[in-house]
Amino acid sequence: MKKTIKGIMCLIGNMGLRKEYVITEISASPDGSPYVFITLKGPGEVGGPQRPPVTAVASFQSMDDVFKNLGSVLSKQMMGGFATVIKLGLDEYEKLDIKVGDRISLELNKTTVGIP
C-alpha cells in the first residue's frame, strides 16, 4: 500500500517510509575522524533567507536564575527548528556527490531477522 501525505511522506509496503529532505549544512567531524555530518530539514521548513544556526549557551548563578531564564533559552533554541543529522563516511559522501540545497529522499525499511 502506498499513501502520500502532502507529497512528502510515503508508506512503502507495510514496513517502510520514504521522506524528502533538503540539505541545509555539511560539516566535517569535529574530532577529525573520516566522517561528514549532513544536516537535513523538511522542504516546508526551508525557505527565505538562510541564517546561521542558533546556539543557546547560558550560565546560571542560582536556581531562581534557572527558572527565570530557562524559557527564553528554550525559545531561542526552538527558533532554529529541528533538523535531522546523518553521519556519513567520506567515501559515501564522495560517491553521493551532494551539496547544500540539494533535495534528497531517505527510505527507512524495517527488516525482520530470523533467529534459527
C-alpha atoms as a PDB file:
ATOM      1  CA  MET A   1       0.000   0.000   0.000  1.00  0.00           C
ATOM      2  CA  LYS A   2       1.365   3.402  -0.965  1.00  0.00           C
ATOM      3  CA  LYS A   3      -0.013   6.564   0.590  1.00  0.00           C
ATOM      4  CA  THR A   4       1.153  10.132   0.009  1.00  0.00           C
ATOM      5  CA  ILE A   5       0.884  12.763   2.720  1.00  0.00           C
ATOM      6  CA  LYS A   6       1.407  16.319   1.385  1.00  0.00           C
ATOM      7  CA  GLY A   7       3.665  14.864  -1.300  1.00  0.00           C
ATOM      8  CA  ILE A   8       6.466  14.393   1.206  1.00  0.00           C
ATOM      9  CA  MET A   9       5.977  11.138   3.078  1.00  0.00           C
ATOM     10  CA  CYS A  10       5.075   7.816   1.532  1.00  0.00           C
ATOM     11  CA  LEU A  11       4.421   4.468   3.121  1.00  0.00           C
ATOM     12  CA  ILE A  12       6.211   1.724   1.266  1.00  0.00           C
ATOM     13  CA  GLY A  13       4.535  -1.626   1.689  1.00  0.00           C
ATOM     14  CA  ASN A  14       3.738  -2.316   5.314  1.00  0.00           C
ATOM     15  CA  MET A  15       7.237  -1.864   6.642  1.00  0.00           C
ATOM     16  CA  GLY A  16       8.831   1.257   5.160  1.00  0.00           C
ATOM     17  CA  LEU A  17       8.752   5.026   4.904  1.00  0.00           C
ATOM     18  CA  ARG A  18      10.202   7.478   2.404  1.00  0.00           C
ATOM     19  CA  LYS A  19      10.679  11.133   3.304  1.00  0.00           C
ATOM     20  CA  GLU A  20      12.072  14.066   1.347  1.00  0.00           C
ATOM     21  CA  TYR A  21      14.609  16.493   2.808  1.00  0.00           C
ATOM     22  CA  VAL A  22      16.725  19.469   1.783  1.00  0.00           C
ATOM     23  CA  ILE A  23      20.409  19.515   2.749  1.00  0.00           C
ATOM     24  CA  THR A  24      20.992  22.615   4.869  1.00  0.00           C
ATOM     25  CA  GLU A  25      24.527  22.022   6.144  1.00  0.00           C
ATOM     26  CA  ILE A  26      27.508  19.760   5.517  1.00  0.00           C
ATOM     27  CA  SER A  27      30.244  19.726   8.150  1.00  0.00           C
ATOM     28  CA  ALA A  28      33.363  17.741   8.922  1.00  0.00           C
ATOM     29  CA  SER A  29      33.595  15.624  12.030  1.00  0.00           C
ATOM     30  CA  PRO A  30      34.743  17.845  14.931  1.00  0.00           C
ATOM     31  CA  ASP A  31      37.245  15.251  16.164  1.00  0.00           C
ATOM     32  CA  GLY A  32      38.966  14.926  12.783  1.00  0.00           C
ATOM     33  CA  SER A  33      37.719  11.391  12.112  1.00  0.00           C
ATOM     34  CA  PRO A  34      36.870  10.469   8.485  1.00  0.00           C
ATOM     35  CA  TYR A  35      33.172  11.313   8.717  1.00  0.00           C
ATOM     36  CA  VAL A  36      30.888  14.057   7.432  1.00  0.00           C
ATOM     37  CA  PHE A  37      27.697  15.252   9.124  1.00  0.00           C
ATOM     38  CA  ILE A  38      24.799  16.096   6.797  1.00  0.00           C
ATOM     39  CA  THR A  39      22.045  18.287   8.287  1.00  0.00           C
ATOM     40  CA  LEU A  40      18.597  17.851   6.745  1.00  0.00           C
ATOM     41  CA  LYS A  41      15.331  19.763   7.057  1.00  0.00           C
ATOM     42  CA  GLY A  42      11.943  19.175   5.516  1.00  0.00           C
ATOM     43  CA  PRO A  43      11.132  21.135   2.340  1.00  0.00           C
ATOM     44  CA  GLY A  44       8.451  23.086   4.218  1.00  0.00           C
ATOM     45  CA  GLU A  45      10.940  24.164   6.882  1.00  0.00           C
ATOM     46  CA  VAL A  46      13.417  25.608   4.393  1.00  0.00           C
ATOM     47  CA  GLY A  47      12.669  28.923   2.778  1.00  0.00           C
ATOM     48  CA  GLY A  48      13.565  32.539   2.821  1.00  0.00           C
ATOM     49  CA  PRO A  49      16.971  33.826   3.801  1.00  0.00           C
ATOM     50  CA  GLN A  50      19.241  31.319   5.475  1.00  0.00           C
ATOM     51  CA  ARG A  51      20.573  32.267   8.859  1.00  0.00           C
ATOM     52  CA  PRO A  52      23.331  30.694  10.922  1.00  0.00           C
ATOM     53  CA  PRO A  53      22.316  28.101  13.499  1.00  0.00           C
ATOM     54  CA  VAL A  54      21.347  29.418  16.932  1.00  0.00           C
ATOM     55  CA  THR A  55      23.359  28.067  19.812  1.00  0.00           C
ATOM     56  CA  ALA A  56      21.990  28.707  23.247  1.00  0.00           C
ATOM     57  CA  VAL A  57      24.594  28.786  25.996  1.00  0.00           C
ATOM     58  CA  ALA A  58      23.595  30.113  29.359  1.00  0.00           C
ATOM     59  CA  SER A  59      25.148  30.214  32.807  1.00  0.00           C
ATOM     60  CA  PHE A  60      23.056  30.465  35.919  1.00  0.00           C
ATOM     61  CA  GLN A  61      24.097  31.748  39.339  1.00  0.00           C
ATOM     62  CA  SER A  62      21.141  30.390  41.296  1.00  0.00           C
ATOM     63  CA  MET A  63      18.077  28.204  40.889  1.00  0.00           C
ATOM     64  CA  ASP A  64      15.962  31.355  40.619  1.00  0.00           C
ATOM     65  CA  ASP A  65      18.000  32.385  37.560  1.00  0.00           C
ATOM     66  CA  VAL A  66      17.380  28.961  36.057  1.00  0.00           C
ATOM     67  CA  PHE A  67      13.620  29.287  36.338  1.00  0.00           C
ATOM     68  CA  LYS A  68      13.593  32.923  35.182  1.00  0.00           C
ATOM     69  CA  ASN A  69      15.757  32.379  32.085  1.00  0.00           C
ATOM     70  CA  LEU A  70      15.061  28.811  31.025  1.00  0.00           C
ATOM     71  CA  GLY A  71      12.014  29.771  28.964  1.00  0.00           C
ATOM     72  CA  SER A  72      13.956  32.302  26.913  1.00  0.00           C
ATOM     73  CA  VAL A  73      16.814  29.847  26.339  1.00  0.00           C
ATOM     74  CA  LEU A  74      14.403  27.177  25.129  1.00  0.00           C
ATOM     75  CA  SER A  75      12.504  29.563  22.868  1.00  0.00           C
ATOM     76  CA  LYS A  76      15.756  30.743  21.260  1.00  0.00           C
ATOM     77  CA  GLN A  77      16.719  27.140  20.593  1.00  0.00           C
ATOM     78  CA  MET A  78      13.272  26.360  19.159  1.00  0.00           C
ATOM     79  CA  MET A  79      13.501  29.272  16.703  1.00  0.00           C
ATOM     80  CA  GLY A  80      16.186  27.348  14.838  1.00  0.00           C
ATOM     81  CA  GLY A  81      13.789  24.439  14.377  1.00  0.00           C
ATOM     82  CA  PHE A  82      14.565  20.770  14.425  1.00  0.00           C
ATOM     83  CA  ALA A  83      16.866  19.050  11.991  1.00  0.00           C
ATOM     84  CA  THR A  84      17.842  15.503  11.101  1.00  0.00           C
ATOM     85  CA  VAL A  85      21.577  14.839  11.101  1.00  0.00           C
ATOM     86  CA  ILE A  86      23.178  11.905   9.303  1.00  0.00           C
ATOM     87  CA  LYS A  87      26.750  10.752   9.748  1.00  0.00           C
ATOM     88  CA  LEU A  88      28.407   9.505   6.548  1.00  0.00           C
ATOM     89  CA  GLY A  89      31.852   8.128   5.862  1.00  0.00           C
ATOM     90  CA  LEU A  90      33.999  10.184   3.483  1.00  0.00           C
ATOM     91  CA  ASP A  91      33.756   7.519   0.766  1.00  0.00           C
ATOM     92  CA  GLU A  92      29.939   7.506   0.997  1.00  0.00           C
ATOM     93  CA  TYR A  93      29.851  11.304   0.868  1.00  0.00           C
ATOM     94  CA  GLU A  94      32.083  11.433  -2.208  1.00  0.00           C
ATOM     95  CA  LYS A  95      30.010   8.765  -4.019  1.00  0.00           C
ATOM     96  CA  LEU A  96      26.780  10.693  -3.395  1.00  0.00           C
ATOM     97  CA  ASP A  97      28.171  13.964  -4.810  1.00  0.00           C
ATOM     98  CA  ILE A  98      25.722  16.091  -2.781  1.00  0.00           C
ATOM     99  CA  LYS A  99      25.824  19.756  -1.803  1.00  0.00           C
ATOM    100  CA  VAL A 100      23.868  22.210   0.346  1.00  0.00           C
ATOM    101  CA  GLY A 101      20.469  22.919  -1.195  1.00  0.00           C
ATOM    102  CA  ASP A 102      20.084  19.508  -2.843  1.00  0.00           C
ATOM    103  CA  ARG A 103      16.774  17.707  -2.333  1.00  0.00           C
ATOM    104  CA  ILE A 104      17.164  14.101  -1.261  1.00  0.00           C
ATOM    105  CA  SER A 105      14.871  11.354  -0.060  1.00  0.00           C
ATOM    106  CA  LEU A 106      15.507   8.835   2.673  1.00  0.00           C
ATOM    107  CA  GLU A 107      13.898   5.445   2.729  1.00  0.00           C
ATOM    108  CA  LEU A 108      13.514   3.569   6.011  1.00  0.00           C
ATOM    109  CA  ASN A 109      12.642  -0.102   5.938  1.00  0.00           C
ATOM    110  CA  LYS A 110      12.028  -2.456   8.774  1.00  0.00           C
ATOM    111  CA  THR A 111      13.848  -5.717   8.320  1.00  0.00           C
ATOM    112  CA  THR A 112      12.998  -8.862  10.155  1.00  0.00           C
ATOM    113  CA  VAL A 113      15.840 -11.098  11.182  1.00  0.00           C
ATOM    114  CA  GLY A 114      15.013 -14.741  11.649  1.00  0.00           C
ATOM    115  CA  ILE A 115      16.734 -16.437  14.553  1.00  0.00           C
ATOM    116  CA  PRO A 116      17.349 -20.142  13.853  1.00  0.00           C
END
